[in-house]
Amino acid sequence: KKKKKKQTNKMSEEDDNEKLVVQELQNVKFETPTKYKLDYIIGQGAYGIVVRGIDKTLNEEDAPVAIKKNVDVFSHDKTYQMRILRELMLLHHFDHENIISIRDVILPKSFKDFKDVYFVTDLMDTDLRRIIKSDQTLSNDHIQYFMYQILRGLKAIHTANVLHRDLKPANILVNSDCDLKICDFGLSRGVDFEINVKVTTYVATRWYRAPELLLQYDKPTKSIDIWSCGCIFAELLNRRVLFPGKDYLKQIDLIMQVIGTPPKRIIVGSDQAQRYMESVPKYKKQNFKKLCPTANSKALDLLNKMLVWDHNKRIKVEEALSHEYFGDLREPEDEPSAPIFDFSYEKKAESSSIKSIIYTLLSEWANEEDDDEEDDDESMADA
């Protein structure tokens, strides 16, 4: 009887921890479980706000979390709603040291009240964009370790048949110990290698966009992410953006000034873009040693293989990981792949209520967590 009473008390305590309460930071209201104490706002965009929180049920080391509030999701168009759904699905799919993942989901009080989408992830100290802009010294060892982790995470993304499509320093989160996680999968897409899937050529940041996307090529491959990695690599080496184009024509021009004007036979893109390329100046490829004077020969070789105009000849992520630049840092046995991600839910979402789909998913995932906690309790009892 005592044991049963203790279990009942525990369940009551857990229910209290999950009860939703309103907390306010900088005149913004957050409806989160009582177990989370909100500290301060980390970042804020047009539609989302990220706050630092503390999970009061965990020990001091594991307690800090990031809570993202996607504001009034279902008042926006279906494209934006799909982006939120896609990010939730992908963050839930990946379980990898170098990819941000969902730690917890927050259920609304009811479907009727469901407007904002919250999810909880690991808290990271900063991002690569801020580090590059800072006065902090970046040694060759720092850059090597950052690039290895980015490629290690990208291997998992690509083996899942996912294109990230928005790799940039701001989407690379970093901790004080230099551990790194890739985030923001809202623009990601899948690739079916038997059937070319036409996707939008838009990605969020022009500066890291592969040339074939700038030319409106409608059959992008995993190589678009490798191009972005090359841009990030050069930015780490030089502490400045490699191709800061003000528009897409200037972006193409800047790329050609560095890697040369491509021969007509390798140019892919829309008819209009290909006609434009016939009229561009003829640039010769720059010596990358002049471009990145502090880089060693192995770093320059890897950079050269990433920043290739012909997407078919760009280095693959597995090849990049095995490049001699990483030397003894590499641990081939600890570079996990990820299961194939199923994008078929997007077809269903086109003709269904995305609000209903997200609400159902959050409910299912919350129940999964409850089941896991019960299993842990039983294991402890057995022990």
Protein backbone atom coordinates (compact mmCIF):
# COMPACT_ATOMS: atom_id res chain seq x y z
CA LYS A 1 0.00 0.00 0.00
CA LYS A 2 2.84 2.37 0.85
CA LYS A 3 4.49 1.63 -2.49
CA LYS A 4 1.25 2.35 -4.34
CA LYS A 5 0.82 5.63 -2.47
CA LYS A 6 4.38 6.65 -3.34
CA GLN A 7 3.74 5.89 -7.02
CA THR A 8 0.51 7.93 -6.94
CA ASN A 9 2.36 10.87 -5.40
CA LYS A 10 5.01 10.62 -8.10
CA MET A 11 2.41 10.64 -10.87
CA SER A 12 0.76 13.68 -9.29
CA GLU A 13 4.13 15.44 -9.16
CA GLU A 14 4.80 14.63 -12.83
CA ASP A 15 1.36 15.94 -13.80
CA ASP A 16 2.12 19.19 -11.98
CA ASN A 17 5.42 19.51 -13.87
CA GLU A 18 3.58 19.26 -17.20
CA LYS A 19 0.84 21.74 -16.30
CA LEU A 20 0.94 24.76 -18.60
CA VAL A 21 1.56 28.19 -17.09
CA VAL A 22 2.08 31.59 -18.69
CA GLN A 23 5.49 33.21 -18.22
CA GLU A 24 6.46 36.55 -19.70
CA LEU A 25 9.81 37.82 -21.01
CA GLN A 26 10.24 41.26 -22.60
CA ASN A 27 6.46 41.60 -23.02
CA VAL A 28 6.26 38.27 -24.85
CA LYS A 29 4.06 35.57 -23.30
CA PHE A 30 5.11 31.93 -23.26
CA GLU A 31 2.81 29.07 -22.30
CA THR A 32 5.09 26.29 -21.09
CA PRO A 33 5.02 23.48 -18.50
CA THR A 34 5.77 24.46 -14.90
CA LYS A 35 8.95 22.36 -14.99
CA TYR A 36 10.55 25.02 -17.20
CA LYS A 37 11.83 28.26 -15.71
CA LEU A 38 12.41 30.80 -18.49
CA ASP A 39 15.57 32.92 -18.17
CA TYR A 40 15.94 35.23 -21.15
CA ILE A 41 15.42 35.53 -24.90
CA ILE A 42 18.34 34.20 -26.96
CA GLY A 43 17.14 35.12 -30.44
CA GLN A 44 14.12 36.53 -32.21
CA GLY A 45 13.02 36.46 -35.85
CA ALA A 46 9.95 37.42 -37.85
CA TYR A 47 7.91 34.40 -36.73
CA GLY A 48 9.88 32.69 -33.97
CA ILE A 49 11.48 33.36 -30.60
CA VAL A 50 14.08 31.23 -28.80
CA VAL A 51 14.52 31.45 -25.04
CA ARG A 52 16.95 29.97 -22.56
CA GLY A 53 15.17 27.83 -20.02
CA ILE A 54 15.92 25.58 -17.09
CA ASP A 55 14.32 22.15 -16.69
CA LYS A 56 13.84 22.05 -12.92
CA THR A 57 13.41 18.26 -12.96
CA LEU A 58 16.98 17.64 -14.18
CA ASN A 59 20.41 17.98 -12.59
CA GLU A 60 22.35 21.22 -12.97
CA GLU A 61 24.46 20.01 -15.92
CA ASP A 62 21.52 18.79 -18.04
CA ALA A 63 18.97 21.41 -16.94
CA PRO A 64 19.64 24.27 -19.43
CA VAL A 65 17.51 24.04 -22.60
CA ALA A 66 16.49 26.12 -25.59
CA ILE A 67 12.74 26.57 -26.06
CA LYS A 68 11.56 27.76 -29.45
CA LYS A 69 8.15 29.39 -29.84
CA ASN A 70 6.88 29.51 -33.41
CA VAL A 71 4.28 32.26 -33.18
CA ASP A 72 0.72 31.95 -34.50
CA VAL A 73 1.78 29.32 -37.05
CA PHE A 74 -1.62 28.55 -38.53
CA SER A 75 -2.44 32.14 -39.45
CA HIS A 76 0.37 32.01 -42.02
CA ASP A 77 0.27 30.45 -45.48
CA LYS A 78 0.64 26.74 -46.05
CA THR A 79 4.26 27.08 -47.21
CA TYR A 80 5.27 28.44 -43.82
CA GLN A 81 3.20 25.83 -41.96
CA MET A 82 4.90 23.12 -44.02
CA ARG A 83 8.29 24.52 -43.05
CA ILE A 84 7.44 24.14 -39.34
CA LEU A 85 6.13 20.60 -39.90
CA ARG A 86 9.25 19.66 -41.88
CA GLU A 87 11.59 20.97 -39.22
CA LEU A 88 9.74 19.10 -36.48
CA MET A 89 9.84 15.86 -38.45
CA LEU A 90 13.53 16.11 -39.27
CA LEU A 91 14.65 17.16 -35.78
CA HIS A 92 12.71 14.20 -34.40
CA HIS A 93 14.27 11.87 -37.00
CA PHE A 94 17.95 12.56 -36.38
CA ASP A 95 19.81 11.26 -33.35
CA HIS A 96 23.35 12.49 -33.92
CA GLU A 97 25.96 14.38 -31.92
CA ASN A 98 26.39 17.02 -34.62
CA ILE A 99 22.71 17.64 -35.38
CA ILE A 100 20.33 19.46 -33.07
CA SER A 101 17.44 17.27 -31.95
CA ILE A 102 14.19 17.63 -30.05
CA ARG A 103 14.43 16.98 -26.31
CA ASP A 104 10.80 17.65 -25.51
CA VAL A 105 7.55 18.77 -27.11
CA ILE A 106 4.92 20.99 -25.49
CA LEU A 107 1.29 20.08 -25.98
CA PRO A 108 -1.29 22.88 -26.11
CA LYS A 109 -4.25 22.75 -23.75
CA SER A 110 -6.55 21.75 -26.59
CA PHE A 111 -6.73 21.60 -30.37
CA LYS A 112 -8.97 24.66 -30.32
CA ASP A 113 -6.32 26.66 -28.43
CA PHE A 114 -3.48 25.43 -30.66
CA LYS A 115 -1.83 28.47 -32.29
CA ASP A 116 1.84 28.50 -31.29
CA VAL A 117 4.18 25.54 -31.87
CA TYR A 118 6.80 25.00 -29.14
CA PHE A 119 9.66 22.55 -29.05
CA VAL A 120 12.64 22.10 -26.74
CA THR A 121 16.22 21.37 -27.84
CA ASP A 122 19.70 21.29 -26.36
CA LEU A 123 21.01 24.71 -25.40
CA MET A 124 24.14 25.80 -27.28
CA ASP A 125 26.33 28.75 -26.33
CA THR A 126 26.63 30.54 -29.66
CA ASP A 127 26.80 30.03 -33.43
CA LEU A 128 29.61 30.01 -35.97
CA ARG A 129 28.58 33.39 -37.42
CA ARG A 130 29.15 35.11 -34.09
CA ILE A 131 32.47 33.31 -33.57
CA ILE A 132 33.73 34.37 -37.01
CA LYS A 133 32.73 37.98 -36.34
CA SER A 134 34.27 38.00 -32.86
CA ASP A 135 37.86 38.85 -31.85
CA GLN A 136 38.40 35.28 -30.66
CA THR A 137 41.48 33.66 -32.17
CA LEU A 138 40.71 30.72 -34.46
CA SER A 139 43.67 28.37 -34.80
CA ASN A 140 44.05 25.82 -37.60
CA ASP A 141 43.07 23.18 -35.02
CA HIS A 142 39.81 25.04 -34.29
CA ILE A 143 38.95 25.29 -37.99
CA GLN A 144 39.83 21.66 -38.63
CA TYR A 145 37.65 20.49 -35.72
CA PHE A 146 34.71 22.66 -36.78
CA MET A 147 34.86 21.43 -40.39
CA TYR A 148 35.18 17.80 -39.32
CA GLN A 149 32.05 18.05 -37.18
CA ILE A 150 30.07 19.85 -39.91
CA LEU A 151 30.94 17.11 -42.41
CA ARG A 152 30.27 14.39 -39.83
CA GLY A 153 26.77 15.79 -39.30
CA LEU A 154 26.29 16.28 -43.03
CA LYS A 155 27.14 12.63 -43.66
CA ALA A 156 24.17 11.62 -41.49
CA ILE A 157 21.92 14.13 -43.27
CA HIS A 158 22.96 12.91 -46.73
CA THR A 159 22.73 9.20 -45.88
CA ALA A 160 19.15 9.95 -44.82
CA ASN A 161 18.63 11.23 -48.39
CA VAL A 162 18.06 14.75 -47.13
CA LEU A 163 19.41 17.98 -48.61
CA HIS A 164 19.83 20.60 -45.88
CA ARG A 165 19.80 23.50 -48.40
CA ASP A 166 20.52 26.22 -45.85
CA LEU A 167 23.96 25.52 -44.42
CA LYS A 168 25.54 28.78 -43.24
CA PRO A 169 27.47 29.89 -40.13
CA ALA A 170 24.31 31.10 -38.37
CA ASN A 171 22.85 27.57 -38.64
CA ILE A 172 25.90 25.94 -37.04
CA LEU A 173 25.51 26.05 -33.26
CA VAL A 174 28.62 25.81 -31.07
CA ASN A 175 29.38 25.24 -27.39
CA SER A 176 32.27 26.64 -25.36
CA ASP A 177 34.08 23.30 -25.70
CA CYS A 178 33.85 23.67 -29.53
CA ASP A 179 31.27 20.91 -29.91
CA LEU A 180 28.98 21.73 -32.80
CA LYS A 181 25.45 20.97 -34.03
CA ILE A 182 23.73 21.72 -37.35
CA CYS A 183 20.27 23.28 -37.00
CA ASP A 184 17.35 24.77 -38.98
CA PHE A 185 15.91 22.17 -41.35
CA GLY A 186 12.93 24.23 -42.45
CA LEU A 187 14.15 24.47 -46.07
CA SER A 188 15.37 20.88 -46.33
CA ARG A 189 14.15 18.56 -49.06
CA GLY A 190 14.50 14.91 -49.97
CA VAL A 191 16.08 13.47 -53.07
CA ASP A 192 14.78 10.47 -54.98
CA PHE A 193 17.66 9.33 -57.12
CA GLU A 194 15.47 7.37 -59.53
CA ILE A 195 12.98 10.17 -60.09
CA ASN A 196 14.24 13.74 -60.16
CA VAL A 197 12.10 15.75 -57.79
CA LYS A 198 11.56 19.35 -58.82
CA VAL A 199 11.93 21.65 -55.83
CA THR A 200 12.10 25.36 -55.39
CA THR A 201 15.53 26.80 -56.13
CA TYR A 202 15.12 29.30 -53.30
CA VAL A 203 17.36 28.96 -50.28
CA ALA A 204 17.54 31.45 -47.47
CA THR A 205 21.00 32.97 -47.86
CA ARG A 206 22.44 33.87 -51.26
CA TRP A 207 26.07 33.94 -50.10
CA TYR A 208 26.22 30.17 -49.53
CA ARG A 209 24.15 29.17 -52.55
CA ALA A 210 25.64 26.78 -55.11
CA PRO A 211 26.00 28.25 -58.64
CA GLU A 212 23.58 25.74 -60.17
CA LEU A 213 20.86 27.01 -57.80
CA LEU A 214 21.63 30.61 -58.73
CA LEU A 215 21.08 29.54 -62.35
CA GLN A 216 17.69 28.00 -61.42
CA TYR A 217 18.68 24.37 -61.91
CA ASP A 218 15.68 22.27 -60.85
CA LYS A 219 17.41 18.97 -60.05
CA PRO A 220 19.70 19.82 -57.12
CA THR A 221 21.86 17.10 -55.59
CA LYS A 222 23.68 16.65 -52.29
CA SER A 223 26.55 18.63 -53.80
CA ILE A 224 24.71 21.90 -53.05
CA ASP A 225 25.46 21.34 -49.35
CA ILE A 226 29.12 20.64 -50.12
CA TRP A 227 29.34 24.02 -51.87
CA SER A 228 27.92 25.68 -48.75
CA CYS A 229 30.52 23.84 -46.65
CA GLY A 230 33.26 25.22 -48.90
CA CYS A 231 31.95 28.77 -48.40
CA ILE A 232 31.89 28.24 -44.62
CA PHE A 233 35.41 26.75 -44.72
CA ALA A 234 36.80 29.78 -46.57
CA GLU A 235 34.98 32.12 -44.18
CA LEU A 236 36.58 30.39 -41.20
CA LEU A 237 40.01 30.68 -42.80
CA ASN A 238 39.67 34.36 -43.78
CA ARG A 239 37.19 35.62 -41.14
CA ARG A 240 35.05 37.19 -43.88
CA VAL A 241 32.32 36.09 -46.28
CA LEU A 242 33.78 34.63 -49.47
CA PHE A 243 30.97 35.59 -51.90
CA PRO A 244 28.95 38.53 -50.44
CA GLY A 245 26.81 39.20 -53.52
CA LYS A 246 24.17 41.93 -53.27
CA ASP A 247 21.95 40.16 -55.82
CA TYR A 248 22.06 36.90 -57.68
CA LEU A 249 23.84 38.33 -60.76
CA LYS A 250 26.56 39.84 -58.55
CA GLN A 251 26.76 36.54 -56.70
CA ILE A 252 27.47 34.64 -59.94
CA ASP A 253 30.05 37.26 -60.92
CA LEU A 254 31.88 36.98 -57.57
CA ILE A 255 31.97 33.18 -57.86
CA MET A 256 33.43 33.36 -61.38
CA GLN A 257 36.07 35.86 -60.23
CA VAL A 258 37.32 33.22 -57.78
CA ILE A 259 36.85 29.86 -59.51
CA GLY A 260 36.79 31.05 -63.12
CA THR A 261 34.15 31.20 -65.83
CA PRO A 262 32.84 27.68 -66.55
CA PRO A 263 32.85 26.13 -70.04
CA LYS A 264 29.43 26.07 -71.67
CA ARG A 265 29.21 22.24 -71.57
CA ILE A 266 29.02 22.11 -67.75
CA ILE A 267 26.54 24.96 -67.22
CA VAL A 268 23.13 23.81 -66.01
CA GLY A 269 20.07 25.90 -65.24
CA SER A 270 17.11 27.54 -66.89
CA ASP A 271 17.23 28.59 -70.55
CA GLN A 272 17.30 32.23 -69.48
CA ALA A 273 20.19 31.62 -67.07
CA GLN A 274 22.18 29.72 -69.70
CA ARG A 275 21.71 32.57 -72.19
CA TYR A 276 22.96 35.00 -69.54
CA MET A 277 26.07 32.88 -68.97
CA GLU A 278 26.95 33.17 -72.67
CA SER A 279 27.46 36.91 -72.20
CA VAL A 280 29.54 36.94 -69.00
CA PRO A 281 33.23 37.97 -68.88
CA LYS A 282 35.87 35.23 -69.09
CA TYR A 283 37.59 34.97 -65.71
CA LYS A 284 40.54 32.75 -64.83
CA LYS A 285 40.57 30.73 -61.63
CA GLN A 286 42.40 32.36 -58.73
CA ASN A 287 45.24 30.77 -56.82
CA PHE A 288 43.56 29.67 -53.58
CA LYS A 289 46.77 30.31 -51.64
CA LYS A 290 46.37 34.03 -52.40
CA LEU A 291 42.69 33.76 -51.52
CA CYS A 292 43.38 32.08 -48.13
CA PRO A 293 47.00 32.93 -47.26
CA THR A 294 46.91 31.42 -43.75
CA ALA A 295 45.67 28.00 -44.93
CA ASN A 296 47.98 25.02 -45.25
CA SER A 297 48.25 22.99 -48.45
CA LYS A 298 45.90 20.23 -47.24
CA ALA A 299 43.19 22.75 -46.33
CA LEU A 300 43.54 24.43 -49.72
CA ASP A 301 43.27 21.09 -51.51
CA LEU A 302 40.02 20.25 -49.71
CA LEU A 303 38.65 23.75 -50.36
CA ASN A 304 39.48 23.39 -54.07
CA LYS A 305 37.51 20.15 -54.21
CA MET A 306 34.47 21.69 -52.52
CA LEU A 307 34.26 24.89 -54.58
CA VAL A 308 33.90 23.26 -58.00
CA TRP A 309 31.49 24.69 -60.56
CA ASP A 310 30.53 21.30 -62.01
CA HIS A 311 28.30 19.80 -59.31
CA ASN A 312 29.03 16.28 -60.59
CA LYS A 313 32.73 16.74 -59.79
CA ARG A 314 32.32 18.31 -56.37
CA ILE A 315 33.73 16.14 -53.59
CA LYS A 316 31.23 13.87 -51.77
CA VAL A 317 30.82 14.12 -48.01
CA GLU A 318 32.37 10.69 -47.38
CA GLU A 319 35.36 11.64 -49.54
CA ALA A 320 35.72 14.95 -47.71
CA LEU A 321 35.76 13.18 -44.34
CA SER A 322 38.54 10.87 -45.54
CA HIS A 323 40.63 13.77 -46.89
CA GLU A 324 44.16 14.01 -45.50
CA TYR A 325 43.36 17.46 -44.07
CA PHE A 326 41.66 15.78 -41.10
CA GLY A 327 44.59 13.43 -40.43
CA ASP A 328 44.61 11.91 -36.94
CA LEU A 329 41.51 13.87 -35.92
CA ARG A 330 39.30 11.53 -37.92
CA GLU A 331 37.62 8.50 -36.34
CA PRO A 332 36.12 6.55 -39.29
CA GLU A 333 34.39 4.06 -36.99
CA ASP A 334 32.56 6.94 -35.29
CA GLU A 335 30.97 8.63 -38.29
CA PRO A 336 27.42 7.25 -38.14
CA SER A 337 24.94 7.27 -40.96
CA ALA A 338 21.22 7.89 -40.45
CA PRO A 339 18.12 5.97 -41.59
CA ILE A 340 16.43 7.14 -44.78
CA PHE A 341 13.95 9.92 -44.05
CA ASP A 342 10.47 9.46 -45.51
CA PHE A 343 9.15 12.67 -47.10
CA SER A 344 5.86 11.08 -48.17
CA TYR A 345 4.02 12.92 -45.37
CA GLU A 346 4.37 16.11 -47.45
CA LYS A 347 1.98 14.80 -50.09
CA LYS A 348 -0.59 14.08 -47.40
CA ALA A 349 -0.05 17.53 -45.93
CA GLU A 350 -0.82 19.19 -49.28
CA SER A 351 -4.46 18.11 -49.04
CA SER A 352 -4.86 17.94 -45.25
CA SER A 353 -4.88 20.29 -42.29
CA ILE A 354 -1.28 20.83 -41.22
CA LYS A 355 -2.59 21.97 -37.85
CA SER A 356 -4.19 18.53 -37.34
CA ILE A 357 -1.02 16.74 -38.48
CA ILE A 358 1.26 18.69 -36.12
CA TYR A 359 -1.16 18.33 -33.20
CA THR A 360 -1.32 14.55 -33.74
CA LEU A 361 2.48 14.29 -33.99
CA LEU A 362 3.07 16.27 -30.79
CA SER A 363 0.54 14.07 -28.97
CA GLU A 364 2.20 10.88 -30.22
CA TRP A 365 5.69 12.07 -29.33
CA ALA A 366 4.58 13.17 -25.86
CA ASN A 367 3.13 9.70 -25.29
CA GLU A 368 6.40 8.13 -26.49
CA GLU A 369 8.29 10.12 -23.86
CA ASP A 370 5.84 9.02 -21.15
CA ASP A 371 6.33 5.37 -22.17
CA ASP A 372 10.11 5.77 -22.09
CA GLU A 373 9.96 7.27 -18.59
CA GLU A 374 7.76 4.38 -17.38
CA ASP A 375 10.26 1.88 -18.84
CA ASP A 376 13.10 3.66 -17.03
CA ASP A 377 11.18 3.55 -13.73
CA GLU A 378 10.51 -0.18 -14.13
CA SER A 379 14.17 -0.86 -14.93
CA MET A 380 15.25 1.02 -11.80
CA ALA A 381 12.72 -0.89 -9.72
CA ASP A 382 13.96 -4.21 -11.12
CA ALA A 383 17.55 -3.22 -10.40
